[in-house]
C-alpha cells in the first residue's frame, strides 16, 4: 500500500499543473542568425511540437502544454538542444529570442 501511494504521488508531481485539464499556451519569438557558422534555422521544437522558422527568423508554436518544455533548434547542420527549458503558462503567449 505504501509503495502504491508513493507511485501515485510521484506521478502527480511529475505532471505539470494544468496538463490534465488540457490547458495550453503559445511560444513565439525569433531565432537570431548564426553569421559566423552559416547555419540556417529550419524548425524550433518545443517538446514534440514543431514550429517552422520563417525567413525572417520568426516562429510560433501553439498548443504547448503548460509547465516546462524542452527546446531544440533544427538547422541545416543538425539539431541543437537549448540548455534551459522554457516555462509556459496557461492561455498566454511566451516570447523569446534564441541564438
PDB file of N, CA and C in Angstrom:
ATOM      1  N   UNK A   1       0.819  -1.192   0.000  1.00  0.00           N
ATOM      2  CA  UNK A   1       0.000   0.000   0.000  1.00  0.00           C
ATOM      3  C   UNK A   1       0.864   1.257   0.000  1.00  0.00           C
ATOM      4  N   UNK A   2       1.918   1.252   0.782  1.00  0.00           N
ATOM      5  CA  UNK A   2       2.795   2.404   0.875  1.00  0.00           C
ATOM      6  C   UNK A   2       3.498   2.659  -0.456  1.00  0.00           C
ATOM      7  N   UNK A   3       3.907   1.586  -1.139  1.00  0.00           N
ATOM      8  CA  UNK A   3       4.578   1.715  -2.432  1.00  0.00           C
ATOM      9  C   UNK A   3       3.613   2.295  -3.466  1.00  0.00           C
ATOM     10  N   UNK A   4       2.375   1.821  -3.480  1.00  0.00           N
ATOM     11  CA  UNK A   4       1.375   2.332  -4.417  1.00  0.00           C
ATOM     12  C   UNK A   4       1.130   3.822  -4.183  1.00  0.00           C
ATOM     13  N   UNK A   5       1.054   4.231  -2.930  1.00  0.00           N
ATOM     14  CA  UNK A   5       0.846   5.633  -2.603  1.00  0.00           C
ATOM     15  C   UNK A   5       2.017   6.479  -3.081  1.00  0.00           C
ATOM     16  N   UNK A   6       3.241   5.997  -2.906  1.00  0.00           N
ATOM     17  CA  UNK A   6       4.422   6.716  -3.380  1.00  0.00           C
ATOM     18  C   UNK A   6       4.436   6.837  -4.901  1.00  0.00           C
ATOM     19  N   UNK A   7       4.024   5.790  -5.600  1.00  0.00           N
ATOM     20  CA  UNK A   7       3.977   5.837  -7.063  1.00  0.00           C
ATOM     21  C   UNK A   7       2.953   6.862  -7.534  1.00  0.00           C
ATOM     22  N   UNK A   8       1.776   6.869  -6.932  1.00  0.00           N
ATOM     23  CA  UNK A   8       0.744   7.840  -7.297  1.00  0.00           C
ATOM     24  C   UNK A   8       1.231   9.254  -7.007  1.00  0.00           C
ATOM     25  N   UNK A   9       1.852   9.472  -5.866  1.00  0.00           N
ATOM     26  CA  UNK A   9       2.377  10.794  -5.517  1.00  0.00           C
ATOM     27  C   UNK A   9       3.439  11.239  -6.516  1.00  0.00           C
ATOM     28  N   UNK A  10       4.335  10.346  -6.902  1.00  0.00           N
ATOM     29  CA  UNK A  10       5.371  10.681  -7.879  1.00  0.00           C
ATOM     30  C   UNK A  10       4.764  11.055  -9.226  1.00  0.00           C
ATOM     31  N   UNK A  11       3.728  10.331  -9.652  1.00  0.00           N
ATOM     32  CA  UNK A  11       3.073  10.640 -10.926  1.00  0.00           C
ATOM     33  C   UNK A  11       2.375  11.997 -10.885  1.00  0.00           C
ATOM     34  N   UNK A  12       1.731  12.293  -9.772  1.00  0.00           N
ATOM     35  CA  UNK A  12       1.052  13.587  -9.634  1.00  0.00           C
ATOM     36  C   UNK A  12       2.064  14.725  -9.686  1.00  0.00           C
ATOM     37  N   UNK A  13       3.194  14.567  -9.027  1.00  0.00           N
ATOM     38  CA  UNK A  13       4.212  15.609  -9.021  1.00  0.00           C
ATOM     39  C   UNK A  13       4.919  15.737 -10.368  1.00  0.00           C
ATOM     40  N   UNK A  14       4.947  14.683 -11.162  1.00  0.00           N
ATOM     41  CA  UNK A  14       5.635  14.710 -12.454  1.00  0.00           C
ATOM     42  C   UNK A  14       4.809  15.388 -13.541  1.00  0.00           C
ATOM     43  N   UNK A  15       3.505  15.449 -13.380  1.00  0.00           N
ATOM     44  CA  UNK A  15       2.631  16.059 -14.388  1.00  0.00           C
ATOM     45  C   UNK A  15       2.525  17.550 -14.101  1.00  0.00           C
ATOM     46  N   UNK A  16       2.820  18.408 -15.098  1.00  0.00           N
ATOM     47  CA  UNK A  16       2.720  19.852 -14.872  1.00  0.00           C
ATOM     48  C   UNK A  16       1.291  20.261 -14.517  1.00  0.00           C
ATOM     49  N   UNK A  17       1.145  21.279 -13.650  1.00  0.00           N
ATOM     50  CA  UNK A  17      -0.192  21.746 -13.300  1.00  0.00           C
ATOM     51  C   UNK A  17      -0.950  22.177 -14.556  1.00  0.00           C
ATOM     52  N   UNK A  18      -2.182  21.782 -14.670  1.00  0.00           N
ATOM     53  CA  UNK A  18      -2.988  22.159 -15.822  1.00  0.00           C
ATOM     54  C   UNK A  18      -2.889  21.210 -16.993  1.00  0.00           C
ATOM     55  N   UNK A  19      -1.899  20.330 -17.006  1.00  0.00           N
ATOM     56  CA  UNK A  19      -1.727  19.428 -18.144  1.00  0.00           C
ATOM     57  C   UNK A  19      -2.886  18.450 -18.251  1.00  0.00           C
ATOM     58  N   UNK A  20      -3.374  17.981 -17.112  1.00  0.00           N
ATOM     59  CA  UNK A  20      -4.501  17.054 -17.141  1.00  0.00           C
ATOM     60  C   UNK A  20      -5.783  17.747 -17.574  1.00  0.00           C
ATOM     61  N   UNK A  21      -5.879  19.047 -17.339  1.00  0.00           N
ATOM     62  CA  UNK A  21      -7.058  19.800 -17.737  1.00  0.00           C
ATOM     63  C   UNK A  21      -6.973  20.227 -19.196  1.00  0.00           C
ATOM     64  N   UNK A  22      -5.870  19.937 -19.851  1.00  0.00           N
ATOM     65  CA  UNK A  22      -5.717  20.284 -21.252  1.00  0.00           C
ATOM     66  C   UNK A  22      -5.358  21.737 -21.487  1.00  0.00           C
ATOM     67  N   UNK A  23      -4.878  22.423 -20.461  1.00  0.00           N
ATOM     68  CA  UNK A  23      -4.505  23.821 -20.628  1.00  0.00           C
ATOM     69  C   UNK A  23      -3.242  23.937 -21.460  1.00  0.00           C
ATOM     70  N   UNK A  24      -3.227  24.932 -22.330  1.00  0.00           N
ATOM     71  CA  UNK A  24      -2.077  25.140 -23.213  1.00  0.00           C
ATOM     72  C   UNK A  24      -1.724  26.613 -23.284  1.00  0.00           C
ATOM     73  N   UNK A  25      -0.576  26.876 -23.873  1.00  0.00           N
ATOM     74  CA  UNK A  25      -0.109  28.231 -24.122  1.00  0.00           C
ATOM     75  C   UNK A  25       0.581  28.286 -25.475  1.00  0.00           C
ATOM     76  N   UNK A  26       1.172  29.418 -25.771  1.00  0.00           N
ATOM     77  CA  UNK A  26       1.835  29.650 -27.051  1.00  0.00           C
ATOM     78  C   UNK A  26       3.274  30.084 -26.777  1.00  0.00           C
ATOM     79  N   UNK A  27       4.200  29.611 -27.605  1.00  0.00           N
ATOM     80  CA  UNK A  27       5.584  30.069 -27.557  1.00  0.00           C
ATOM     81  C   UNK A  27       5.893  30.699 -28.907  1.00  0.00           C
ATOM     82  N   UNK A  28       6.328  31.950 -28.897  1.00  0.00           N
ATOM     83  CA  UNK A  28       6.639  32.665 -30.129  1.00  0.00           C
ATOM     84  C   UNK A  28       7.941  33.417 -29.943  1.00  0.00           C
ATOM     85  N   UNK A  29       8.578  33.744 -31.052  1.00  0.00           N
ATOM     86  CA  UNK A  29       9.804  34.519 -30.954  1.00  0.00           C
ATOM     87  C   UNK A  29      10.610  34.496 -32.228  1.00  0.00           C
ATOM     88  N   UNK A  30      11.913  34.704 -32.054  1.00  0.00           N
ATOM     89  CA  UNK A  30      12.833  34.773 -33.175  1.00  0.00           C
ATOM     90  C   UNK A  30      14.062  33.917 -32.905  1.00  0.00           C
ATOM     91  N   UNK A  31      14.593  33.347 -33.971  1.00  0.00           N
ATOM     92  CA  UNK A  31      15.885  32.681 -33.919  1.00  0.00           C
ATOM     93  C   UNK A  31      16.860  33.625 -34.609  1.00  0.00           C
ATOM     94  N   UNK A  32      17.843  34.118 -33.855  1.00  0.00           N
ATOM     95  CA  UNK A  32      18.824  35.034 -34.427  1.00  0.00           C
ATOM     96  C   UNK A  32      19.778  34.260 -35.330  1.00  0.00           C
ATOM     97  N   UNK A  33      20.164  34.836 -36.464  1.00  0.00           N
ATOM     98  CA  UNK A  33      21.046  34.109 -37.397  1.00  0.00           C
ATOM     99  C   UNK A  33      22.439  33.887 -36.811  1.00  0.00           C
ATOM    100  N   UNK A  34      23.021  32.749 -37.158  1.00  0.00           N
ATOM    101  CA  UNK A  34      24.396  32.418 -36.740  1.00  0.00           C
ATOM    102  C   UNK A  34      25.326  32.803 -37.874  1.00  0.00           C
ATOM    103  N   UNK A  35      25.717  34.070 -37.924  1.00  0.00           N
ATOM    104  CA  UNK A  35      26.509  34.606 -39.036  1.00  0.00           C
ATOM    105  C   UNK A  35      27.872  33.936 -39.173  1.00  0.00           C
ATOM    106  N   UNK A  36      28.483  33.615 -38.051  1.00  0.00           N
ATOM    107  CA  UNK A  36      29.832  33.035 -38.093  1.00  0.00           C
ATOM    108  C   UNK A  36      29.838  31.618 -38.669  1.00  0.00           C
ATOM    109  N   UNK A  37      28.748  30.900 -38.503  1.00  0.00           N
ATOM    110  CA  UNK A  37      28.736  29.489 -38.883  1.00  0.00           C
ATOM    111  C   UNK A  37      27.896  29.198 -40.120  1.00  0.00           C
ATOM    112  N   UNK A  38      27.124  30.153 -40.585  1.00  0.00           N
ATOM    113  CA  UNK A  38      26.294  29.945 -41.760  1.00  0.00           C
ATOM    114  C   UNK A  38      25.152  28.969 -41.550  1.00  0.00           C
ATOM    115  N   UNK A  39      24.752  28.743 -40.300  1.00  0.00           N
ATOM    116  CA  UNK A  39      23.642  27.828 -40.015  1.00  0.00           C
ATOM    117  C   UNK A  39      22.308  28.514 -40.295  1.00  0.00           C
ATOM    118  N   UNK A  40      21.389  27.773 -40.845  1.00  0.00           N
ATOM    119  CA  UNK A  40      20.055  28.287 -41.113  1.00  0.00           C
ATOM    120  C   UNK A  40      19.062  27.487 -40.272  1.00  0.00           C
ATOM    121  N   UNK A  41      18.327  28.189 -39.397  1.00  0.00           N
ATOM    122  CA  UNK A  41      17.325  27.520 -38.561  1.00  0.00           C
ATOM    123  C   UNK A  41      16.120  27.160 -39.420  1.00  0.00           C
ATOM    124  N   UNK A  42      15.696  25.897 -39.316  1.00  0.00           N
ATOM    125  CA  UNK A  42      14.537  25.419 -40.068  1.00  0.00           C
ATOM    126  C   UNK A  42      13.306  25.279 -39.180  1.00  0.00           C
ATOM    127  N   UNK A  43      13.504  24.721 -37.981  1.00  0.00           N
ATOM    128  CA  UNK A  43      12.389  24.407 -37.091  1.00  0.00           C
ATOM    129  C   UNK A  43      12.816  24.597 -35.644  1.00  0.00           C
ATOM    130  N   UNK A  44      11.916  25.142 -34.831  1.00  0.00           N
ATOM    131  CA  UNK A  44      12.095  25.154 -33.382  1.00  0.00           C
ATOM    132  C   UNK A  44      11.177  24.065 -32.843  1.00  0.00           C
ATOM    133  N   UNK A  45      11.747  23.145 -32.074  1.00  0.00           N
ATOM    134  CA  UNK A  45      10.974  22.057 -31.467  1.00  0.00           C
ATOM    135  C   UNK A  45      10.703  22.425 -30.023  1.00  0.00           C
ATOM    136  N   UNK A  46       9.423  22.455 -29.653  1.00  0.00           N
ATOM    137  CA  UNK A  46       9.005  22.697 -28.271  1.00  0.00           C
ATOM    138  C   UNK A  46       8.463  21.368 -27.786  1.00  0.00           C
ATOM    139  N   UNK A  47       9.307  20.615 -27.095  1.00  0.00           N
ATOM    140  CA  UNK A  47       8.959  19.230 -26.794  1.00  0.00           C
ATOM    141  C   UNK A  47       8.849  18.493 -28.111  1.00  0.00           C
ATOM    142  N   UNK A  48       7.706  17.883 -28.378  1.00  0.00           N
ATOM    143  CA  UNK A  48       7.491  17.155 -29.635  1.00  0.00           C
ATOM    144  C   UNK A  48       6.723  17.983 -30.659  1.00  0.00           C
ATOM    145  N   UNK A  49       6.495  19.262 -30.362  1.00  0.00           N
ATOM    146  CA  UNK A  49       5.712  20.118 -31.264  1.00  0.00           C
ATOM    147  C   UNK A  49       6.653  20.959 -32.121  1.00  0.00           C
ATOM    148  N   UNK A  50       6.578  20.796 -33.462  1.00  0.00           N
ATOM    149  CA  UNK A  50       7.440  21.579 -34.347  1.00  0.00           C
ATOM    150  C   UNK A  50       6.838  22.946 -34.663  1.00  0.00           C
ATOM    151  N   UNK A  51       7.699  23.960 -34.766  1.00  0.00           N
ATOM    152  CA  UNK A  51       7.290  25.294 -35.188  1.00  0.00           C
ATOM    153  C   UNK A  51       8.248  25.726 -36.301  1.00  0.00           C
ATOM    154  N   UNK A  52       7.782  25.767 -37.552  1.00  0.00           N
ATOM    155  CA  UNK A  52       8.661  26.178 -38.651  1.00  0.00           C
ATOM    156  C   UNK A  52       9.184  27.598 -38.439  1.00  0.00           C
ATOM    157  N   UNK A  53      10.436  27.821 -38.842  1.00  0.00           N
ATOM    158  CA  UNK A  53      11.058  29.135 -38.727  1.00  0.00           C
ATOM    159  C   UNK A  53      10.915  29.839 -40.082  1.00  0.00           C
ATOM    160  N   UNK A  54      10.344  31.051 -40.075  1.00  0.00           N
ATOM    161  CA  UNK A  54      10.155  31.841 -41.293  1.00  0.00           C
ATOM    162  C   UNK A  54      11.491  32.435 -41.741  1.00  0.00           C
ATOM    163  N   UNK A  55      11.500  32.998 -42.922  1.00  0.00           N
ATOM    164  CA  UNK A  55      12.722  33.580 -43.485  1.00  0.00           C
ATOM    165  C   UNK A  55      13.298  34.689 -42.611  1.00  0.00           C
ATOM    166  N   UNK A  56      12.432  35.412 -41.882  1.00  0.00           N
ATOM    167  CA  UNK A  56      12.917  36.484 -41.007  1.00  0.00           C
ATOM    168  C   UNK A  56      13.338  35.970 -39.626  1.00  0.00           C
ATOM    169  N   UNK A  57      13.267  34.651 -39.401  1.00  0.00           N
ATOM    170  CA  UNK A  57      13.680  34.055 -38.135  1.00  0.00           C
ATOM    171  C   UNK A  57      12.558  33.891 -37.135  1.00  0.00           C
ATOM    172  N   UNK A  58      11.344  34.327 -37.466  1.00  0.00           N
ATOM    173  CA  UNK A  58      10.236  34.231 -36.518  1.00  0.00           C
ATOM    174  C   UNK A  58       9.642  32.823 -36.510  1.00  0.00           C
ATOM    175  N   UNK A  59       9.046  32.470 -35.377  1.00  0.00           N
ATOM    176  CA  UNK A  59       8.351  31.189 -35.236  1.00  0.00           C
ATOM    177  C   UNK A  59       7.234  31.341 -34.227  1.00  0.00           C
ATOM    178  N   UNK A  60       6.255  30.428 -34.290  1.00  0.00           N
ATOM    179  CA  UNK A  60       5.181  30.395 -33.309  1.00  0.00           C
ATOM    180  C   UNK A  60       4.703  28.965 -33.161  1.00  0.00           C
ATOM    181  N   UNK A  61       4.695  28.486 -31.931  1.00  0.00           N
ATOM    182  CA  UNK A  61       4.206  27.141 -31.619  1.00  0.00           C
ATOM    183  C   UNK A  61       2.975  27.283 -30.743  1.00  0.00           C
ATOM    184  N   UNK A  62       1.863  26.707 -31.184  1.00  0.00           N
ATOM    185  CA  UNK A  62       0.619  26.791 -30.422  1.00  0.00           C
ATOM    186  C   UNK A  62       0.295  25.433 -29.811  1.00  0.00           C
ATOM    187  N   UNK A  63      -0.577  25.443 -28.822  1.00  0.00           N
ATOM    188  CA  UNK A  63      -0.999  24.199 -28.185  1.00  0.00           C
ATOM    189  C   UNK A  63       0.064  23.554 -27.321  1.00  0.00           C
ATOM    190  N   UNK A  64       0.951  24.366 -26.755  1.00  0.00           N
ATOM    191  CA  UNK A  64       2.025  23.847 -25.903  1.00  0.00           C
ATOM    192  C   UNK A  64       1.446  23.569 -24.506  1.00  0.00           C
ATOM    193  N   UNK A  65       1.590  22.351 -23.988  1.00  0.00           N
ATOM    194  CA  UNK A  65       1.094  22.062 -22.632  1.00  0.00           C
ATOM    195  C   UNK A  65       1.774  22.967 -21.601  1.00  0.00           C
ATOM    196  N   UNK A  66       1.016  23.392 -20.601  1.00  0.00           N
ATOM    197  CA  UNK A  66       1.575  24.259 -19.566  1.00  0.00           C
ATOM    198  C   UNK A  66       2.662  23.518 -18.791  1.00  0.00           C
ATOM    199  N   UNK A  67       3.571  24.290 -18.239  1.00  0.00           N
ATOM    200  CA  UNK A  67       4.693  23.726 -17.500  1.00  0.00           C
ATOM    201  C   UNK A  67       5.992  24.028 -18.224  1.00  0.00           C
ATOM    202  N   UNK A  68       7.018  23.279 -17.902  1.00  0.00           N
ATOM    203  CA  UNK A  68       8.331  23.477 -18.526  1.00  0.00           C
ATOM    204  C   UNK A  68       8.472  22.587 -19.754  1.00  0.00           C
ATOM    205  N   UNK A  69       8.952  23.180 -20.843  1.00  0.00           N
ATOM    206  CA  UNK A  69       9.148  22.447 -22.097  1.00  0.00           C
ATOM    207  C   UNK A  69      10.599  22.548 -22.532  1.00  0.00           C
ATOM    208  N   UNK A  70      11.123  21.442 -23.027  1.00  0.00           N
ATOM    209  CA  UNK A  70      12.461  21.422 -23.596  1.00  0.00           C
ATOM    210  C   UNK A  70      12.408  22.024 -24.997  1.00  0.00           C
ATOM    211  N   UNK A  71      13.469  22.729 -25.387  1.00  0.00           N
ATOM    212  CA  UNK A  71      13.549  23.351 -26.706  1.00  0.00           C
ATOM    213  C   UNK A  71      14.732  22.808 -27.479  1.00  0.00           C
ATOM    214  N   UNK A  72      14.581  22.765 -28.797  1.00  0.00           N
ATOM    215  CA  UNK A  72      15.684  22.417 -29.689  1.00  0.00           C
ATOM    216  C   UNK A  72      15.505  23.198 -30.981  1.00  0.00           C
ATOM    217  N   UNK A  73      16.620  23.509 -31.622  1.00  0.00           N
ATOM    218  CA  UNK A  73      16.597  24.211 -32.902  1.00  0.00           C
ATOM    219  C   UNK A  73      17.162  23.271 -33.953  1.00  0.00           C
ATOM    220  N   UNK A  74      16.352  22.992 -34.972  1.00  0.00           N
ATOM    221  CA  UNK A  74      16.806  22.168 -36.096  1.00  0.00           C
ATOM    222  C   UNK A  74      17.369  23.097 -37.160  1.00  0.00           C
ATOM    223  N   UNK A  75      18.619  22.842 -37.555  1.00  0.00           N
ATOM    224  CA  UNK A  75      19.279  23.674 -38.567  1.00  0.00           C
ATOM    225  C   UNK A  75      19.650  22.807 -39.762  1.00  0.00           C
ATOM    226  N   UNK A  76      20.290  23.441 -40.724  1.00  0.00           N
ATOM    227  CA  UNK A  76      20.761  22.721 -41.898  1.00  0.00           C
ATOM    228  C   UNK A  76      21.886  21.749 -41.544  1.00  0.00           C
ATOM    229  N   UNK A  77      22.497  21.927 -40.375  1.00  0.00           N
ATOM    230  CA  UNK A  77      23.614  21.077 -39.951  1.00  0.00           C
ATOM    231  C   UNK A  77      23.254  20.051 -38.883  1.00  0.00           C
ATOM    232  N   UNK A  78      22.086  20.176 -38.268  1.00  0.00           N
ATOM    233  CA  UNK A  78      21.719  19.223 -37.224  1.00  0.00           C
ATOM    234  C   UNK A  78      20.770  19.835 -36.214  1.00  0.00           C
ATOM    235  N   UNK A  79      20.606  19.140 -35.095  1.00  0.00           N
ATOM    236  CA  UNK A  79      19.690  19.551 -34.043  1.00  0.00           C
ATOM    237  C   UNK A  79      20.490  20.051 -32.844  1.00  0.00           C
ATOM    238  N   UNK A  80      20.150  21.246 -32.361  1.00  0.00           N
ATOM    239  CA  UNK A  80      20.837  21.839 -31.224  1.00  0.00           C
ATOM    240  C   UNK A  80      19.847  21.989 -30.078  1.00  0.00           C
ATOM    241  N   UNK A  81      20.131  21.365 -28.948  1.00  0.00           N
ATOM    242  CA  UNK A  81      19.249  21.391 -27.783  1.00  0.00           C
ATOM    243  C   UNK A  81      19.565  22.625 -26.946  1.00  0.00           C
ATOM    244  N   UNK A  82      18.529  23.355 -26.561  1.00  0.00           N
ATOM    245  CA  UNK A  82      18.672  24.527 -25.708  1.00  0.00           C
ATOM    246  C   UNK A  82      18.814  24.029 -24.271  1.00  0.00           C
ATOM    247  N   UNK A  83      19.796  24.541 -23.550  1.00  0.00           N
ATOM    248  CA  UNK A  83      20.133  24.025 -22.221  1.00  0.00           C
ATOM    249  C   UNK A  83      19.048  24.274 -21.176  1.00  0.00           C
ATOM    250  N   UNK A  84      18.332  25.373 -21.279  1.00  0.00           N
ATOM    251  CA  UNK A  84      17.354  25.731 -20.261  1.00  0.00           C
ATOM    252  C   UNK A  84      15.938  25.556 -20.790  1.00  0.00           C
ATOM    253  N   UNK A  85      15.098  24.778 -20.096  1.00  0.00           N
ATOM    254  CA  UNK A  85      13.704  24.653 -20.525  1.00  0.00           C
ATOM    255  C   UNK A  85      12.970  25.984 -20.376  1.00  0.00           C
ATOM    256  N   UNK A  86      11.879  26.124 -21.086  1.00  0.00           N
ATOM    257  CA  UNK A  86      11.078  27.349 -21.027  1.00  0.00           C
ATOM    258  C   UNK A  86       9.745  27.023 -20.346  1.00  0.00           C
ATOM    259  N   UNK A  87       9.279  27.950 -19.500  1.00  0.00           N
ATOM    260  CA  UNK A  87       8.014  27.764 -18.789  1.00  0.00           C
ATOM    261  C   UNK A  87       6.878  28.365 -19.603  1.00  0.00           C
ATOM    262  N   UNK A  88       5.808  27.597 -19.751  1.00  0.00           N
ATOM    263  CA  UNK A  88       4.626  28.038 -20.479  1.00  0.00           C
ATOM    264  C   UNK A  88       3.462  28.129 -19.491  1.00  0.00           C
ATOM    265  N   UNK A  89       2.811  29.289 -19.460  1.00  0.00           N
ATOM    266  CA  UNK A  89       1.649  29.494 -18.584  1.00  0.00           C
ATOM    267  C   UNK A  89       0.369  29.297 -19.395  1.00  0.00           C
ATOM    268  N   UNK A  90      -0.703  28.858 -18.756  1.00  0.00           N
ATOM    269  CA  UNK A  90      -1.951  28.606 -19.482  1.00  0.00           C
ATOM    270  C   UNK A  90      -2.547  29.881 -20.078  1.00  0.00           C
ATOM    271  N   UNK A  91      -2.960  29.780 -21.342  1.00  0.00           N
ATOM    272  CA  UNK A  91      -3.652  30.875 -22.005  1.00  0.00           C
ATOM    273  C   UNK A  91      -2.814  32.091 -22.323  1.00  0.00           C
ATOM    274  N   UNK A  92      -1.488  31.959 -22.277  1.00  0.00           N
ATOM    275  CA  UNK A  92      -0.621  33.102 -22.537  1.00  0.00           C
ATOM    276  C   UNK A  92       0.312  32.814 -23.709  1.00  0.00           C
ATOM    277  N   UNK A  93       0.935  33.875 -24.208  1.00  0.00           N
ATOM    278  CA  UNK A  93       1.965  33.742 -25.231  1.00  0.00           C
ATOM    279  C   UNK A  93       3.295  34.144 -24.623  1.00  0.00           C
ATOM    280  N   UNK A  94       4.234  33.219 -24.596  1.00  0.00           N
ATOM    281  CA  UNK A  94       5.584  33.478 -24.090  1.00  0.00           C
ATOM    282  C   UNK A  94       6.452  33.847 -25.283  1.00  0.00           C
ATOM    283  N   UNK A  95       7.164  34.967 -25.223  1.00  0.00           N
ATOM    284  CA  UNK A  95       8.017  35.432 -26.320  1.00  0.00           C
ATOM    285  C   UNK A  95       9.479  35.304 -25.907  1.00  0.00           C
ATOM    286  N   UNK A  96      10.283  34.709 -26.820  1.00  0.00           N
ATOM    287  CA  UNK A  96      11.704  34.519 -26.543  1.00  0.00           C
ATOM    288  C   UNK A  96      12.531  34.788 -27.800  1.00  0.00           C
ATOM    289  N   UNK A  97      13.834  34.949 -27.607  1.00  0.00           N
ATOM    290  CA  UNK A  97      14.793  35.010 -28.703  1.00  0.00           C
ATOM    291  C   UNK A  97      15.825  33.916 -28.476  1.00  0.00           C
ATOM    292  N   UNK A  98      16.139  33.194 -29.529  1.00  0.00           N
ATOM    293  CA  UNK A  98      17.128  32.122 -29.462  1.00  0.00           C
ATOM    294  C   UNK A  98      18.301  32.481 -30.365  1.00  0.00           C
ATOM    295  N   UNK A  99      19.492  32.158 -29.924  1.00  0.00           N
ATOM    296  CA  UNK A  99      20.685  32.451 -30.716  1.00  0.00           C
ATOM    297  C   UNK A  99      21.476  31.187 -30.940  1.00  0.00           C
TER     298      UNK A  99
END
